[in-house]
Amino acid sequence: MTTNTDRLQHLATKQMLTPVEEIELRDLMLERQSLSIARQRSVLAQTRRKTENRRKYEIGGLAFKAAVQDFDDASLLGALMNIAALRDNPQHMDRWRQTGALALAAKK
């Protein structure tokens, strides 16, 4: 039984192709490209998951540095939602950034 790869190699090296073989060759090449794209999408999805998981881990670490690990879930989420509602205010962001930078520098 001939695999698609073998058939592709055979057609690609053949001097003269019939019209049906030309179509088959193009179809096999597209299939190979589709498989390559699928592999690339899988790698990209894995990289995205790793990046997101790393960020979640970092955020958890910041919660411990802020000493809010003992908050119940509703209180912590409510506090974070209040922060999110104020994030478009540059004054709040600047103050939070300064406070955080000082705390991070002090804990090193």
C-alpha atoms as a PDB file:
ATOM      1  CA  MET A   1       0.000   0.000   0.000  1.00  0.00           C
ATOM      2  CA  THR A   2       1.376   3.398  -0.992  1.00  0.00           C
ATOM      3  CA  THR A   3       1.295   6.193   1.568  1.00  0.00           C
ATOM      4  CA  ASN A   4       0.389   9.728   0.655  1.00  0.00           C
ATOM      5  CA  THR A   5       4.006  10.773   1.210  1.00  0.00           C
ATOM      6  CA  ASP A   6       5.261   8.097  -1.160  1.00  0.00           C
ATOM      7  CA  ARG A   7       2.656   9.011  -3.740  1.00  0.00           C
ATOM      8  CA  LEU A   8       3.524  12.704  -3.402  1.00  0.00           C
ATOM      9  CA  GLN A   9       7.220  11.975  -3.916  1.00  0.00           C
ATOM     10  CA  HIS A  10       6.458   9.800  -6.916  1.00  0.00           C
ATOM     11  CA  LEU A  11       4.268  12.428  -8.577  1.00  0.00           C
ATOM     12  CA  ALA A  12       6.646  15.285  -7.730  1.00  0.00           C
ATOM     13  CA  THR A  13       9.570  13.535  -9.435  1.00  0.00           C
ATOM     14  CA  LYS A  14       7.640  12.337 -12.475  1.00  0.00           C
ATOM     15  CA  GLN A  15       8.546  14.148 -15.703  1.00  0.00           C
ATOM     16  CA  MET A  16       5.103  14.305 -17.291  1.00  0.00           C
ATOM     17  CA  LEU A  17       1.877  14.237 -15.366  1.00  0.00           C
ATOM     18  CA  THR A  18      -1.570  13.542 -16.689  1.00  0.00           C
ATOM     19  CA  PRO A  19      -4.213  16.122 -15.826  1.00  0.00           C
ATOM     20  CA  VAL A  20      -5.617  13.754 -13.196  1.00  0.00           C
ATOM     21  CA  GLU A  21      -2.148  13.282 -11.678  1.00  0.00           C
ATOM     22  CA  GLU A  22      -1.621  17.059 -11.599  1.00  0.00           C
ATOM     23  CA  ILE A  23      -4.826  17.431  -9.615  1.00  0.00           C
ATOM     24  CA  GLU A  24      -3.814  14.558  -7.330  1.00  0.00           C
ATOM     25  CA  LEU A  25      -0.392  16.161  -6.783  1.00  0.00           C
ATOM     26  CA  ARG A  26      -1.947  19.520  -5.904  1.00  0.00           C
ATOM     27  CA  ASP A  27      -4.380  17.782  -3.546  1.00  0.00           C
ATOM     28  CA  LEU A  28      -1.568  15.880  -1.814  1.00  0.00           C
ATOM     29  CA  MET A  29       0.478  19.074  -1.454  1.00  0.00           C
ATOM     30  CA  LEU A  30      -2.500  20.856   0.082  1.00  0.00           C
ATOM     31  CA  GLU A  31      -3.036  17.957   2.476  1.00  0.00           C
ATOM     32  CA  ARG A  32       0.609  18.154   3.550  1.00  0.00           C
ATOM     33  CA  GLN A  33       0.282  21.918   4.098  1.00  0.00           C
ATOM     34  CA  SER A  34      -2.905  21.383   6.107  1.00  0.00           C
ATOM     35  CA  LEU A  35      -1.146  18.897   8.368  1.00  0.00           C
ATOM     36  CA  SER A  36       1.726  21.323   8.859  1.00  0.00           C
ATOM     37  CA  ILE A  37      -0.694  24.108   9.760  1.00  0.00           C
ATOM     38  CA  ALA A  38      -2.527  21.811  12.189  1.00  0.00           C
ATOM     39  CA  ARG A  39       0.764  20.974  13.924  1.00  0.00           C
ATOM     40  CA  GLN A  40       1.682  24.657  14.106  1.00  0.00           C
ATOM     41  CA  ARG A  41      -1.735  25.510  15.563  1.00  0.00           C
ATOM     42  CA  SER A  42      -1.264  22.789  18.176  1.00  0.00           C
ATOM     43  CA  VAL A  43       2.145  24.177  19.169  1.00  0.00           C
ATOM     44  CA  LEU A  44       0.692  27.684  19.288  1.00  0.00           C
ATOM     45  CA  ALA A  45      -2.208  26.543  21.496  1.00  0.00           C
ATOM     46  CA  GLN A  46       0.213  24.768  23.833  1.00  0.00           C
ATOM     47  CA  THR A  47       2.419  27.861  24.032  1.00  0.00           C
ATOM     48  CA  ARG A  48      -0.628  30.028  24.733  1.00  0.00           C
ATOM     49  CA  ARG A  49      -1.757  27.677  27.538  1.00  0.00           C
ATOM     50  CA  LYS A  50       1.709  27.677  29.092  1.00  0.00           C
ATOM     51  CA  THR A  51       1.866  31.473  28.938  1.00  0.00           C
ATOM     52  CA  GLU A  52      -1.594  31.851  30.488  1.00  0.00           C
ATOM     53  CA  ASN A  53      -0.822  29.310  33.208  1.00  0.00           C
ATOM     54  CA  ARG A  54       2.448  31.056  34.023  1.00  0.00           C
ATOM     55  CA  ARG A  55       0.622  34.387  34.353  1.00  0.00           C
ATOM     56  CA  LYS A  56      -2.003  32.811  36.637  1.00  0.00           C
ATOM     57  CA  TYR A  57       0.777  31.408  38.811  1.00  0.00           C
ATOM     58  CA  GLU A  58       2.435  34.842  38.968  1.00  0.00           C
ATOM     59  CA  ILE A  59      -0.859  36.495  39.939  1.00  0.00           C
ATOM     60  CA  GLY A  60      -1.302  33.932  42.715  1.00  0.00           C
ATOM     61  CA  GLY A  61       2.179  34.776  43.962  1.00  0.00           C
ATOM     62  CA  LEU A  62       1.294  38.454  44.001  1.00  0.00           C
ATOM     63  CA  ALA A  63      -1.810  37.665  46.071  1.00  0.00           C
ATOM     64  CA  PHE A  64       0.465  36.059  48.669  1.00  0.00           C
ATOM     65  CA  LYS A  65       2.839  39.034  48.609  1.00  0.00           C
ATOM     66  CA  ALA A  66      -0.146  41.312  49.193  1.00  0.00           C
ATOM     67  CA  ALA A  67      -1.172  39.027  52.106  1.00  0.00           C
ATOM     68  CA  VAL A  68      -4.686  38.463  50.750  1.00  0.00           C
ATOM     69  CA  GLN A  69      -4.468  34.666  50.577  1.00  0.00           C
ATOM     70  CA  ASP A  70      -6.771  34.403  53.595  1.00  0.00           C
ATOM     71  CA  PHE A  71      -9.579  36.387  51.981  1.00  0.00           C
ATOM     72  CA  ASP A  72     -12.615  34.319  51.114  1.00  0.00           C
ATOM     73  CA  ASP A  73     -13.154  33.920  47.366  1.00  0.00           C
ATOM     74  CA  ALA A  74     -16.076  36.365  47.148  1.00  0.00           C
ATOM     75  CA  SER A  75     -14.212  39.117  48.991  1.00  0.00           C
ATOM     76  CA  LEU A  76     -11.053  38.671  46.940  1.00  0.00           C
ATOM     77  CA  LEU A  77     -12.980  38.628  43.679  1.00  0.00           C
ATOM     78  CA  GLY A  78     -14.986  41.688  44.730  1.00  0.00           C
ATOM     79  CA  ALA A  79     -11.806  43.584  45.569  1.00  0.00           C
ATOM     80  CA  LEU A  80     -10.252  42.648  42.232  1.00  0.00           C
ATOM     81  CA  MET A  81     -13.411  43.685  40.396  1.00  0.00           C
ATOM     82  CA  ASN A  82     -13.259  47.083  42.120  1.00  0.00           C
ATOM     83  CA  ILE A  83      -9.649  47.429  41.011  1.00  0.00           C
ATOM     84  CA  ALA A  84     -10.625  46.501  37.457  1.00  0.00           C
ATOM     85  CA  ALA A  85     -13.350  49.146  37.467  1.00  0.00           C
ATOM     86  CA  LEU A  86     -10.758  51.808  38.371  1.00  0.00           C
ATOM     87  CA  ARG A  87      -7.971  50.694  36.020  1.00  0.00           C
ATOM     88  CA  ASP A  88      -8.771  53.330  33.376  1.00  0.00           C
ATOM     89  CA  ASN A  89      -7.923  56.073  35.858  1.00  0.00           C
ATOM     90  CA  PRO A  90      -4.229  56.942  35.350  1.00  0.00           C
ATOM     91  CA  GLN A  91      -3.936  58.381  38.864  1.00  0.00           C
ATOM     92  CA  HIS A  92      -5.000  55.094  40.448  1.00  0.00           C
ATOM     93  CA  MET A  93      -2.711  53.108  38.166  1.00  0.00           C
ATOM     94  CA  ASP A  94       0.266  55.349  38.956  1.00  0.00           C
ATOM     95  CA  ARG A  95      -0.343  55.113  42.702  1.00  0.00           C
ATOM     96  CA  TRP A  96      -0.798  51.331  42.560  1.00  0.00           C
ATOM     97  CA  ARG A  97       2.316  50.952  40.400  1.00  0.00           C
ATOM     98  CA  GLN A  98       4.409  53.019  42.844  1.00  0.00           C
ATOM     99  CA  THR A  99       3.099  51.148  45.878  1.00  0.00           C
ATOM    100  CA  GLY A 100       3.657  47.804  44.192  1.00  0.00           C
ATOM    101  CA  ALA A 101       7.144  48.680  42.977  1.00  0.00           C
ATOM    102  CA  LEU A 102       8.142  49.688  46.510  1.00  0.00           C
ATOM    103  CA  ALA A 103       6.712  46.468  47.960  1.00  0.00           C
ATOM    104  CA  LEU A 104       8.431  44.308  45.334  1.00  0.00           C
ATOM    105  CA  ALA A 105      11.745  46.076  45.897  1.00  0.00           C
ATOM    106  CA  ALA A 106      11.452  45.686  49.673  1.00  0.00           C
ATOM    107  CA  LYS A 107      10.779  41.927  49.472  1.00  0.00           C
ATOM    108  CA  LYS A 108      13.838  41.168  47.324  1.00  0.00           C
END
